[in-house]
Amino acid sequence: MKLHELKSVDVMVTIGPTLETAADIASAIDAGAGWFRFPTGYRNRDHVAHALLVREVAKGKGADVKILFDLPSERLRLGSISPQEVAPGVELSFFDSEGECSGDHLGIPGLGKLQGAVAPGHRVLALDGRIVLRVLDFGSGLLRTVVERGSGRLQTSNSVVFPDSSADFSLFESADVELLRKAEAAGLVPDW
């Protein structure tokens, strides 16, 4: 299909610190936003309240918008870190930040459960796959990697995925179920 043949285009915006007030939402709708995505892996945000605000603003504008709750599953996320620019060749070390470690290592809460499932040569994907790291070693609780491809800024709560490991992760966490129950109790049914 060619661009000039498209009848309509759905624009999706993500609700977050730079787009969360009623005025922000109204501006997004005026600019053509038809979908509002909620990255629910950020557990410290009240996604249900923000989704209800989106519905309220859309109703006031006579707009038909859709709500998408992006459930994170049980994937691992970086702990609290200072933003760090990475590029090919940069070596990064990670530790289970629920344990104790000192030095210049980045924390990943829950990383310890991957001990034995992640081996040298396995990939680690960050920033939705834009950064590919290769495992050098995973011993003594420290995961050593090197950036193989991609560049960008790693920061707190970025997800990390281990596609080559045999780790068993759940599609739903209890926090996901709790969020969906809270939405249901508030009369909110996400469109996706």
N, C-alpha and C. Protein backbone atom coordinates (compact mmCIF):
# COMPACT_ATOMS: atom_id res chain seq x y z
N MET A 1 0.84 -1.18 0.00
CA MET A 1 0.00 0.00 0.00
C MET A 1 0.89 1.24 0.00
N LYS A 2 0.54 2.20 -0.78
CA LYS A 2 1.29 3.45 -0.85
C LYS A 2 0.68 4.46 0.12
N LEU A 3 1.52 5.39 0.59
CA LEU A 3 1.09 6.36 1.59
C LEU A 3 -0.17 7.12 1.14
N HIS A 4 -0.25 7.51 -0.14
CA HIS A 4 -1.40 8.29 -0.59
C HIS A 4 -2.69 7.45 -0.63
N GLU A 5 -2.57 6.11 -0.51
CA GLU A 5 -3.74 5.24 -0.51
C GLU A 5 -4.33 5.04 0.89
N LEU A 6 -3.61 5.46 1.92
CA LEU A 6 -4.12 5.29 3.28
C LEU A 6 -5.35 6.16 3.50
N LYS A 7 -6.35 5.56 4.09
CA LYS A 7 -7.58 6.31 4.36
C LYS A 7 -7.47 7.06 5.68
N SER A 8 -6.83 6.44 6.68
CA SER A 8 -6.64 7.11 7.96
C SER A 8 -5.38 6.54 8.62
N VAL A 9 -4.83 7.32 9.47
CA VAL A 9 -3.63 6.91 10.20
C VAL A 9 -3.91 7.09 11.68
N ASP A 10 -3.66 6.04 12.45
CA ASP A 10 -3.80 6.15 13.88
C ASP A 10 -2.47 6.59 14.48
N VAL A 11 -2.51 7.63 15.26
CA VAL A 11 -1.32 8.12 15.95
C VAL A 11 -1.41 7.66 17.39
N MET A 12 -0.32 7.05 17.88
CA MET A 12 -0.29 6.59 19.26
C MET A 12 0.70 7.45 20.03
N VAL A 13 0.28 7.90 21.21
CA VAL A 13 1.16 8.65 22.10
C VAL A 13 1.30 7.87 23.40
N THR A 14 2.39 8.09 24.08
CA THR A 14 2.64 7.40 25.34
C THR A 14 2.45 8.36 26.50
N ILE A 15 1.63 7.96 27.45
CA ILE A 15 1.41 8.75 28.65
C ILE A 15 2.63 8.59 29.54
N GLY A 16 3.18 9.70 29.99
CA GLY A 16 4.35 9.68 30.85
C GLY A 16 4.62 11.07 31.38
N PRO A 17 5.77 11.28 31.95
CA PRO A 17 6.06 12.57 32.59
C PRO A 17 5.92 13.78 31.68
N THR A 18 6.12 13.60 30.38
CA THR A 18 6.01 14.76 29.47
C THR A 18 4.64 14.86 28.81
N LEU A 19 3.75 13.93 29.09
CA LEU A 19 2.40 13.97 28.53
C LEU A 19 1.46 13.29 29.52
N GLU A 20 0.90 14.10 30.43
CA GLU A 20 0.03 13.49 31.42
C GLU A 20 -1.07 14.40 31.95
N THR A 21 -1.00 15.69 31.69
CA THR A 21 -2.04 16.59 32.19
C THR A 21 -3.21 16.64 31.21
N ALA A 22 -4.33 17.18 31.66
CA ALA A 22 -5.50 17.31 30.79
C ALA A 22 -5.15 18.17 29.56
N ALA A 23 -4.37 19.22 29.77
CA ALA A 23 -3.97 20.09 28.64
C ALA A 23 -3.09 19.33 27.66
N ASP A 24 -2.16 18.51 28.19
CA ASP A 24 -1.30 17.69 27.32
C ASP A 24 -2.15 16.74 26.48
N ILE A 25 -3.09 16.09 27.13
CA ILE A 25 -3.94 15.11 26.46
C ILE A 25 -4.78 15.78 25.38
N ALA A 26 -5.36 16.93 25.72
CA ALA A 26 -6.17 17.68 24.75
C ALA A 26 -5.32 18.07 23.53
N SER A 27 -4.10 18.53 23.78
CA SER A 27 -3.21 18.89 22.68
C SER A 27 -2.88 17.68 21.81
N ALA A 28 -2.66 16.53 22.44
CA ALA A 28 -2.36 15.31 21.69
C ALA A 28 -3.54 14.91 20.82
N ILE A 29 -4.75 15.02 21.37
CA ILE A 29 -5.96 14.69 20.59
C ILE A 29 -6.10 15.66 19.42
N ASP A 30 -5.88 16.95 19.68
CA ASP A 30 -5.96 17.95 18.61
C ASP A 30 -4.93 17.68 17.52
N ALA A 31 -3.79 17.11 17.90
CA ALA A 31 -2.73 16.81 16.93
C ALA A 31 -2.97 15.50 16.20
N GLY A 32 -4.03 14.79 16.57
CA GLY A 32 -4.38 13.58 15.84
C GLY A 32 -4.20 12.27 16.59
N ALA A 33 -3.86 12.32 17.87
CA ALA A 33 -3.68 11.09 18.63
C ALA A 33 -5.01 10.34 18.74
N GLY A 34 -4.97 9.07 18.38
CA GLY A 34 -6.15 8.23 18.49
C GLY A 34 -5.97 7.10 19.49
N TRP A 35 -4.70 6.84 19.86
CA TRP A 35 -4.36 5.80 20.83
C TRP A 35 -3.50 6.41 21.92
N PHE A 36 -3.77 6.01 23.15
CA PHE A 36 -2.96 6.43 24.29
C PHE A 36 -2.40 5.18 24.96
N ARG A 37 -1.07 5.08 24.92
CA ARG A 37 -0.35 3.92 25.47
C ARG A 37 0.11 4.21 26.89
N PHE A 38 -0.11 3.25 27.77
CA PHE A 38 0.31 3.35 29.17
C PHE A 38 1.37 2.29 29.45
N PRO A 39 2.64 2.70 29.62
CA PRO A 39 3.71 1.74 29.91
C PRO A 39 3.62 1.30 31.37
N THR A 40 2.83 0.28 31.62
CA THR A 40 2.48 -0.09 33.00
C THR A 40 3.62 -0.72 33.79
N GLY A 41 4.76 -0.94 33.14
CA GLY A 41 5.92 -1.41 33.88
C GLY A 41 6.43 -0.37 34.86
N TYR A 42 6.07 0.89 34.64
CA TYR A 42 6.41 1.94 35.59
C TYR A 42 5.36 1.89 36.69
N ARG A 43 5.62 1.08 37.68
CA ARG A 43 4.65 0.78 38.73
C ARG A 43 4.33 1.94 39.64
N ASN A 44 5.17 2.96 39.65
CA ASN A 44 4.95 4.08 40.56
C ASN A 44 3.95 5.10 40.01
N ARG A 45 3.37 4.84 38.87
CA ARG A 45 2.41 5.77 38.27
C ARG A 45 0.99 5.22 38.41
N ASP A 46 0.00 6.12 38.54
CA ASP A 46 -1.39 5.69 38.65
C ASP A 46 -1.99 5.65 37.24
N HIS A 47 -1.78 4.53 36.56
CA HIS A 47 -2.21 4.38 35.17
C HIS A 47 -3.73 4.44 35.03
N VAL A 48 -4.44 3.90 35.99
CA VAL A 48 -5.90 3.92 35.91
C VAL A 48 -6.42 5.35 35.98
N ALA A 49 -5.90 6.14 36.90
CA ALA A 49 -6.33 7.54 37.01
C ALA A 49 -6.01 8.31 35.72
N HIS A 50 -4.82 8.07 35.16
CA HIS A 50 -4.46 8.76 33.92
C HIS A 50 -5.33 8.30 32.75
N ALA A 51 -5.66 7.03 32.70
CA ALA A 51 -6.51 6.52 31.62
C ALA A 51 -7.92 7.10 31.73
N LEU A 52 -8.41 7.20 32.96
CA LEU A 52 -9.73 7.82 33.16
C LEU A 52 -9.70 9.29 32.73
N LEU A 53 -8.59 9.98 33.00
CA LEU A 53 -8.45 11.37 32.57
C LEU A 53 -8.45 11.46 31.04
N VAL A 54 -7.78 10.53 30.37
CA VAL A 54 -7.78 10.51 28.91
C VAL A 54 -9.21 10.35 28.41
N ARG A 55 -9.95 9.41 28.97
CA ARG A 55 -11.36 9.21 28.55
C ARG A 55 -12.19 10.48 28.78
N GLU A 56 -11.98 11.12 29.92
CA GLU A 56 -12.74 12.33 30.26
C GLU A 56 -12.43 13.46 29.28
N VAL A 57 -11.15 13.69 28.99
CA VAL A 57 -10.76 14.76 28.06
C VAL A 57 -11.29 14.44 26.66
N ALA A 58 -11.16 13.19 26.24
CA ALA A 58 -11.64 12.79 24.91
C ALA A 58 -13.15 12.99 24.80
N LYS A 59 -13.87 12.61 25.84
CA LYS A 59 -15.34 12.78 25.84
C LYS A 59 -15.69 14.26 25.70
N GLY A 60 -14.98 15.12 26.44
CA GLY A 60 -15.23 16.56 26.37
C GLY A 60 -14.95 17.14 24.99
N LYS A 61 -14.05 16.53 24.25
CA LYS A 61 -13.71 16.99 22.91
C LYS A 61 -14.51 16.25 21.84
N GLY A 62 -15.33 15.29 22.26
CA GLY A 62 -16.09 14.51 21.29
C GLY A 62 -15.21 13.60 20.45
N ALA A 63 -14.09 13.18 21.01
CA ALA A 63 -13.12 12.35 20.27
C ALA A 63 -13.23 10.90 20.71
N ASP A 64 -13.05 10.02 19.76
CA ASP A 64 -13.03 8.59 20.04
C ASP A 64 -11.56 8.15 20.10
N VAL A 65 -11.07 7.90 21.31
CA VAL A 65 -9.68 7.48 21.46
C VAL A 65 -9.64 6.09 22.09
N LYS A 66 -8.53 5.42 21.90
CA LYS A 66 -8.34 4.07 22.41
C LYS A 66 -7.26 4.08 23.49
N ILE A 67 -7.41 3.16 24.44
CA ILE A 67 -6.48 3.01 25.56
C ILE A 67 -5.74 1.68 25.40
N LEU A 68 -4.40 1.72 25.48
CA LEU A 68 -3.59 0.52 25.42
C LEU A 68 -2.77 0.42 26.70
N PHE A 69 -3.00 -0.65 27.47
CA PHE A 69 -2.17 -0.92 28.64
C PHE A 69 -1.06 -1.85 28.19
N ASP A 70 0.16 -1.36 28.16
CA ASP A 70 1.33 -2.12 27.75
C ASP A 70 1.86 -2.86 28.98
N LEU A 71 1.41 -4.10 29.16
CA LEU A 71 1.80 -4.89 30.32
C LEU A 71 3.23 -5.40 30.13
N PRO A 72 4.07 -5.24 31.14
CA PRO A 72 5.49 -5.52 30.96
C PRO A 72 5.89 -6.98 31.07
N SER A 73 5.04 -7.85 31.54
CA SER A 73 5.37 -9.23 31.86
C SER A 73 6.45 -9.23 32.93
N GLU A 74 7.08 -10.35 33.10
CA GLU A 74 8.04 -10.48 34.18
C GLU A 74 9.47 -10.19 33.71
N ARG A 75 9.61 -9.43 32.63
CA ARG A 75 10.95 -9.14 32.14
C ARG A 75 11.72 -8.30 33.17
N LEU A 76 13.00 -8.43 33.12
CA LEU A 76 13.84 -7.69 34.06
C LEU A 76 14.01 -6.26 33.60
N ARG A 77 14.26 -5.39 34.57
CA ARG A 77 14.47 -3.97 34.31
C ARG A 77 15.69 -3.49 35.07
N LEU A 78 16.34 -2.49 34.51
CA LEU A 78 17.47 -1.89 35.22
C LEU A 78 16.97 -1.25 36.50
N GLY A 79 17.78 -1.34 37.53
CA GLY A 79 17.46 -0.69 38.79
C GLY A 79 17.73 0.80 38.69
N SER A 80 17.83 1.45 39.82
CA SER A 80 18.08 2.88 39.86
C SER A 80 19.53 3.16 39.46
N ILE A 81 19.71 3.80 38.31
CA ILE A 81 21.05 4.11 37.80
C ILE A 81 21.09 5.53 37.28
N SER A 82 22.28 6.08 37.18
CA SER A 82 22.46 7.36 36.49
C SER A 82 22.42 7.05 35.00
N PRO A 83 21.77 7.88 34.19
CA PRO A 83 21.74 7.63 32.74
C PRO A 83 23.15 7.42 32.21
N GLN A 84 23.29 6.43 31.33
CA GLN A 84 24.60 6.07 30.82
C GLN A 84 24.54 5.87 29.32
N GLU A 85 25.33 6.67 28.58
CA GLU A 85 25.43 6.52 27.13
C GLU A 85 26.30 5.31 26.81
N VAL A 86 25.83 4.48 25.89
CA VAL A 86 26.62 3.31 25.49
C VAL A 86 26.73 3.27 23.97
N ALA A 87 27.78 2.61 23.50
CA ALA A 87 28.05 2.46 22.07
C ALA A 87 28.82 1.16 21.89
N PRO A 88 28.91 0.67 20.66
CA PRO A 88 29.64 -0.58 20.41
C PRO A 88 31.04 -0.56 21.03
N GLY A 89 31.39 -1.70 21.65
CA GLY A 89 32.69 -1.85 22.27
C GLY A 89 32.73 -1.53 23.75
N VAL A 90 31.70 -0.85 24.27
CA VAL A 90 31.66 -0.50 25.69
C VAL A 90 31.33 -1.76 26.50
N GLU A 91 32.11 -2.00 27.53
CA GLU A 91 31.84 -3.13 28.42
C GLU A 91 30.99 -2.66 29.59
N LEU A 92 29.97 -3.44 29.90
CA LEU A 92 29.08 -3.15 31.02
C LEU A 92 28.99 -4.38 31.91
N SER A 93 28.95 -4.14 33.21
CA SER A 93 28.77 -5.23 34.17
C SER A 93 27.50 -4.98 34.95
N PHE A 94 26.77 -6.06 35.20
CA PHE A 94 25.50 -5.98 35.91
C PHE A 94 25.54 -6.91 37.12
N PHE A 95 24.78 -6.55 38.14
CA PHE A 95 24.64 -7.42 39.31
C PHE A 95 23.19 -7.40 39.76
N ASP A 96 22.82 -8.36 40.57
CA ASP A 96 21.48 -8.41 41.14
C ASP A 96 21.42 -7.34 42.22
N SER A 97 20.76 -6.23 41.95
CA SER A 97 20.79 -5.11 42.88
C SER A 97 20.02 -5.38 44.16
N GLU A 98 19.40 -6.55 44.25
CA GLU A 98 18.80 -6.94 45.52
C GLU A 98 19.88 -7.54 46.43
N GLY A 99 21.04 -7.85 45.84
CA GLY A 99 22.17 -8.32 46.60
C GLY A 99 23.13 -7.17 46.83
N GLU A 100 24.31 -7.45 47.32
CA GLU A 100 25.28 -6.39 47.57
C GLU A 100 26.43 -6.49 46.60
N CYS A 101 26.85 -5.37 46.07
CA CYS A 101 27.99 -5.31 45.17
C CYS A 101 28.47 -3.87 45.17
N SER A 102 29.75 -3.69 44.98
CA SER A 102 30.26 -2.32 44.93
C SER A 102 30.97 -2.10 43.60
N GLY A 103 31.27 -0.87 43.30
CA GLY A 103 31.97 -0.56 42.06
C GLY A 103 31.05 0.05 41.02
N ASP A 104 31.48 -0.01 39.78
CA ASP A 104 30.75 0.63 38.68
C ASP A 104 29.86 -0.36 37.94
N HIS A 105 29.04 -1.08 38.65
CA HIS A 105 28.17 -2.07 38.05
C HIS A 105 26.74 -1.55 38.05
N LEU A 106 25.97 -1.93 37.04
CA LEU A 106 24.58 -1.53 36.93
C LEU A 106 23.71 -2.61 37.57
N GLY A 107 22.71 -2.19 38.31
CA GLY A 107 21.85 -3.14 38.99
C GLY A 107 20.66 -3.58 38.16
N ILE A 108 20.36 -4.88 38.27
CA ILE A 108 19.15 -5.45 37.67
C ILE A 108 18.50 -6.31 38.75
N PRO A 109 17.46 -5.80 39.42
CA PRO A 109 16.79 -6.62 40.43
C PRO A 109 16.29 -7.93 39.83
N GLY A 110 16.60 -9.05 40.48
CA GLY A 110 16.16 -10.35 40.01
C GLY A 110 17.15 -11.05 39.08
N LEU A 111 18.26 -10.41 38.75
CA LEU A 111 19.23 -10.99 37.83
C LEU A 111 19.76 -12.33 38.34
N GLY A 112 19.87 -12.49 39.64
CA GLY A 112 20.42 -13.71 40.22
C GLY A 112 19.69 -14.97 39.78
N LYS A 113 18.39 -14.86 39.49
CA LYS A 113 17.65 -16.06 39.10
C LYS A 113 18.03 -16.55 37.70
N LEU A 114 18.84 -15.75 36.98
CA LEU A 114 19.30 -16.17 35.66
C LEU A 114 20.64 -16.91 35.71
N GLN A 115 21.22 -16.98 36.92
CA GLN A 115 22.49 -17.70 37.07
C GLN A 115 22.30 -19.14 36.57
N GLY A 116 23.12 -19.57 35.67
CA GLY A 116 23.01 -20.90 35.09
C GLY A 116 22.17 -20.95 33.83
N ALA A 117 21.34 -19.94 33.59
CA ALA A 117 20.50 -19.91 32.39
C ALA A 117 21.10 -19.01 31.31
N VAL A 118 22.01 -18.13 31.71
CA VAL A 118 22.67 -17.22 30.78
C VAL A 118 24.14 -17.62 30.70
N ALA A 119 24.65 -17.76 29.48
CA ALA A 119 26.01 -18.23 29.28
C ALA A 119 26.78 -17.28 28.36
N PRO A 120 28.10 -17.35 28.38
CA PRO A 120 28.89 -16.54 27.45
C PRO A 120 28.43 -16.74 26.01
N GLY A 121 28.34 -15.64 25.28
CA GLY A 121 27.87 -15.68 23.91
C GLY A 121 26.40 -15.34 23.76
N HIS A 122 25.62 -15.47 24.84
CA HIS A 122 24.20 -15.11 24.77
C HIS A 122 24.05 -13.60 24.56
N ARG A 123 22.93 -13.24 23.97
CA ARG A 123 22.61 -11.83 23.75
C ARG A 123 21.80 -11.28 24.92
N VAL A 124 21.96 -9.97 25.15
CA VAL A 124 21.11 -9.21 26.07
C VAL A 124 20.62 -8.02 25.26
N LEU A 125 19.30 -7.84 25.19
CA LEU A 125 18.73 -6.73 24.42
C LEU A 125 18.24 -5.64 25.36
N ALA A 126 18.55 -4.41 25.01
CA ALA A 126 18.09 -3.26 25.80
C ALA A 126 17.48 -2.25 24.84
N LEU A 127 16.72 -1.32 25.39
CA LEU A 127 16.03 -0.29 24.60
C LEU A 127 15.26 -0.92 23.46
N ASP A 128 14.42 -1.88 23.79
CA ASP A 128 13.58 -2.57 22.82
C ASP A 128 14.38 -3.16 21.66
N GLY A 129 15.57 -3.65 21.96
CA GLY A 129 16.40 -4.30 20.95
C GLY A 129 17.31 -3.37 20.19
N ARG A 130 17.24 -2.06 20.47
CA ARG A 130 18.12 -1.12 19.75
C ARG A 130 19.58 -1.28 20.18
N ILE A 131 19.79 -1.82 21.39
CA ILE A 131 21.14 -2.08 21.87
C ILE A 131 21.27 -3.58 22.10
N VAL A 132 22.27 -4.19 21.47
CA VAL A 132 22.53 -5.62 21.62
C VAL A 132 23.86 -5.78 22.35
N LEU A 133 23.80 -6.43 23.49
CA LEU A 133 25.01 -6.74 24.25
C LEU A 133 25.29 -8.22 24.12
N ARG A 134 26.54 -8.60 24.24
CA ARG A 134 26.94 -10.01 24.18
C ARG A 134 27.54 -10.36 25.54
N VAL A 135 27.11 -11.48 26.12
CA VAL A 135 27.60 -11.91 27.43
C VAL A 135 29.03 -12.41 27.30
N LEU A 136 29.90 -11.85 28.13
CA LEU A 136 31.29 -12.31 28.21
C LEU A 136 31.45 -13.37 29.29
N ASP A 137 30.78 -13.13 30.44
CA ASP A 137 30.92 -14.02 31.58
C ASP A 137 29.78 -13.76 32.56
N PHE A 138 29.36 -14.80 33.27
CA PHE A 138 28.36 -14.62 34.33
C PHE A 138 28.78 -15.49 35.50
N GLY A 139 29.73 -14.96 36.25
CA GLY A 139 30.23 -15.70 37.39
C GLY A 139 30.26 -14.83 38.63
N SER A 140 30.20 -15.47 39.78
CA SER A 140 30.24 -14.77 41.07
C SER A 140 29.17 -13.68 41.16
N GLY A 141 28.02 -13.90 40.52
CA GLY A 141 26.92 -12.95 40.60
C GLY A 141 27.07 -11.72 39.73
N LEU A 142 28.16 -11.65 38.95
CA LEU A 142 28.40 -10.49 38.09
C LEU A 142 28.28 -10.89 36.63
N LEU A 143 27.38 -10.21 35.90
CA LEU A 143 27.18 -10.46 34.47
C LEU A 143 28.00 -9.43 33.71
N ARG A 144 29.04 -9.90 33.01
CA ARG A 144 29.90 -9.02 32.21
C ARG A 144 29.47 -9.11 30.76
N THR A 145 29.29 -7.94 30.11
CA THR A 145 28.84 -7.88 28.72
C THR A 145 29.64 -6.84 27.96
N VAL A 146 29.50 -6.89 26.65
CA VAL A 146 30.06 -5.85 25.79
C VAL A 146 28.97 -5.45 24.79
N VAL A 147 28.86 -4.14 24.52
CA VAL A 147 27.88 -3.67 23.54
C VAL A 147 28.38 -4.10 22.17
N GLU A 148 27.57 -4.91 21.50
CA GLU A 148 27.93 -5.42 20.18
C GLU A 148 27.39 -4.53 19.07
N ARG A 149 26.18 -4.01 19.27
CA ARG A 149 25.52 -3.24 18.21
C ARG A 149 24.57 -2.24 18.85
N GLY A 150 24.48 -1.07 18.23
CA GLY A 150 23.53 -0.04 18.67
C GLY A 150 24.16 0.91 19.67
N SER A 151 23.47 1.99 19.89
CA SER A 151 23.93 2.98 20.87
C SER A 151 22.71 3.68 21.44
N GLY A 152 22.90 4.33 22.56
CA GLY A 152 21.80 5.04 23.19
C GLY A 152 22.08 5.24 24.67
N ARG A 153 21.07 5.69 25.36
CA ARG A 153 21.19 6.01 26.78
C ARG A 153 20.40 5.00 27.60
N LEU A 154 21.10 4.27 28.44
CA LEU A 154 20.44 3.37 29.39
C LEU A 154 20.08 4.18 30.62
N GLN A 155 18.88 3.91 31.16
CA GLN A 155 18.46 4.62 32.36
C GLN A 155 17.55 3.75 33.20
N THR A 156 17.24 4.23 34.37
CA THR A 156 16.41 3.51 35.32
C THR A 156 15.14 2.96 34.66
N SER A 157 14.83 1.72 34.96
CA SER A 157 13.62 1.01 34.53
C SER A 157 13.63 0.55 33.07
N ASN A 158 14.71 0.79 32.31
CA ASN A 158 14.78 0.21 30.97
C ASN A 158 14.69 -1.30 31.10
N SER A 159 13.94 -1.93 30.22
CA SER A 159 13.85 -3.39 30.27
C SER A 159 15.06 -4.00 29.60
N VAL A 160 15.42 -5.18 30.06
CA VAL A 160 16.49 -5.97 29.46
C VAL A 160 15.93 -7.36 29.20
N VAL A 161 16.22 -7.89 28.04
CA VAL A 161 15.66 -9.18 27.62
C VAL A 161 16.82 -10.11 27.29
N PHE A 162 16.66 -11.37 27.64
CA PHE A 162 17.68 -12.40 27.42
C PHE A 162 17.12 -13.44 26.46
N PRO A 163 17.11 -13.17 25.15
CA PRO A 163 16.42 -14.05 24.20
C PRO A 163 17.06 -15.42 24.01
N ASP A 164 18.33 -15.55 24.36
CA ASP A 164 19.00 -16.84 24.16
C ASP A 164 19.00 -17.72 25.39
N SER A 165 18.48 -17.22 26.50
CA SER A 165 18.53 -17.99 27.74
C SER A 165 17.31 -18.90 27.86
N SER A 166 17.43 -19.84 28.77
CA SER A 166 16.31 -20.76 29.04
C SER A 166 15.51 -20.30 30.25
N ALA A 167 15.63 -19.02 30.60
CA ALA A 167 14.94 -18.50 31.78
C ALA A 167 13.43 -18.58 31.60
N ASP A 168 12.76 -18.94 32.66
CA ASP A 168 11.31 -19.09 32.64
C ASP A 168 10.67 -17.84 33.24
N PHE A 169 10.03 -17.03 32.41
CA PHE A 169 9.37 -15.83 32.89
C PHE A 169 7.89 -15.93 32.62
N SER A 170 7.11 -15.35 33.50
CA SER A 170 5.66 -15.36 33.38
C SER A 170 5.20 -14.20 32.49
N LEU A 171 4.14 -14.45 31.73
CA LEU A 171 3.57 -13.38 30.92
C LEU A 171 2.88 -12.33 31.78
N PHE A 172 2.35 -12.74 32.92
CA PHE A 172 1.66 -11.82 33.82
C PHE A 172 2.30 -11.85 35.19
N GLU A 173 2.50 -10.69 35.75
CA GLU A 173 2.94 -10.58 37.13
C GLU A 173 1.70 -10.29 37.97
N SER A 174 1.80 -10.52 39.26
CA SER A 174 0.67 -10.23 40.14
C SER A 174 0.31 -8.74 40.07
N ALA A 175 1.32 -7.87 39.87
CA ALA A 175 1.03 -6.43 39.76
C ALA A 175 0.21 -6.12 38.51
N ASP A 176 0.39 -6.91 37.44
CA ASP A 176 -0.41 -6.71 36.22
C ASP A 176 -1.87 -7.05 36.49
N VAL A 177 -2.08 -8.18 37.17
CA VAL A 177 -3.44 -8.61 37.49
C VAL A 177 -4.10 -7.58 38.41
N GLU A 178 -3.35 -7.10 39.39
CA GLU A 178 -3.88 -6.08 40.31
C GLU A 178 -4.28 -4.82 39.56
N LEU A 179 -3.45 -4.39 38.60
CA LEU A 179 -3.76 -3.20 37.80
C LEU A 179 -5.05 -3.40 37.01
N LEU A 180 -5.19 -4.56 36.37
CA LEU A 180 -6.39 -4.83 35.57
C LEU A 180 -7.64 -4.90 36.45
N ARG A 181 -7.51 -5.44 37.64
CA ARG A 181 -8.65 -5.46 38.58
C ARG A 181 -9.02 -4.06 39.02
N LYS A 182 -8.02 -3.22 39.26
CA LYS A 182 -8.27 -1.83 39.65
C LYS A 182 -8.99 -1.10 38.50
N ALA A 183 -8.56 -1.34 37.28
CA ALA A 183 -9.20 -0.72 36.12
C ALA A 183 -10.65 -1.18 36.01
N GLU A 184 -10.87 -2.48 36.17
CA GLU A 184 -12.23 -3.02 36.10
C GLU A 184 -13.12 -2.40 37.18
N ALA A 185 -12.60 -2.28 38.38
CA ALA A 185 -13.37 -1.69 39.49
C ALA A 185 -13.73 -0.22 39.21
N ALA A 186 -12.89 0.45 38.45
CA ALA A 186 -13.13 1.86 38.10
C ALA A 186 -13.99 2.00 36.85
N GLY A 187 -14.41 0.86 36.27
CA GLY A 187 -15.25 0.90 35.06
C GLY A 187 -14.44 1.17 33.79
N LEU A 188 -13.15 0.95 33.85
CA LEU A 188 -12.27 1.21 32.72
C LEU A 188 -11.91 -0.12 32.05
N VAL A 189 -12.20 -0.21 30.77
CA VAL A 189 -11.82 -1.39 29.99
C VAL A 189 -10.87 -0.91 28.90
N PRO A 190 -9.58 -1.27 29.02
CA PRO A 190 -8.65 -0.86 27.96
C PRO A 190 -9.06 -1.50 26.62
N ASP A 191 -8.76 -0.80 25.54
CA ASP A 191 -9.08 -1.32 24.20
C ASP A 191 -8.09 -2.38 23.78
N TRP A 192 -6.91 -2.36 24.37
CA TRP A 192 -5.89 -3.34 24.02
C TRP A 192 -4.97 -3.54 25.20
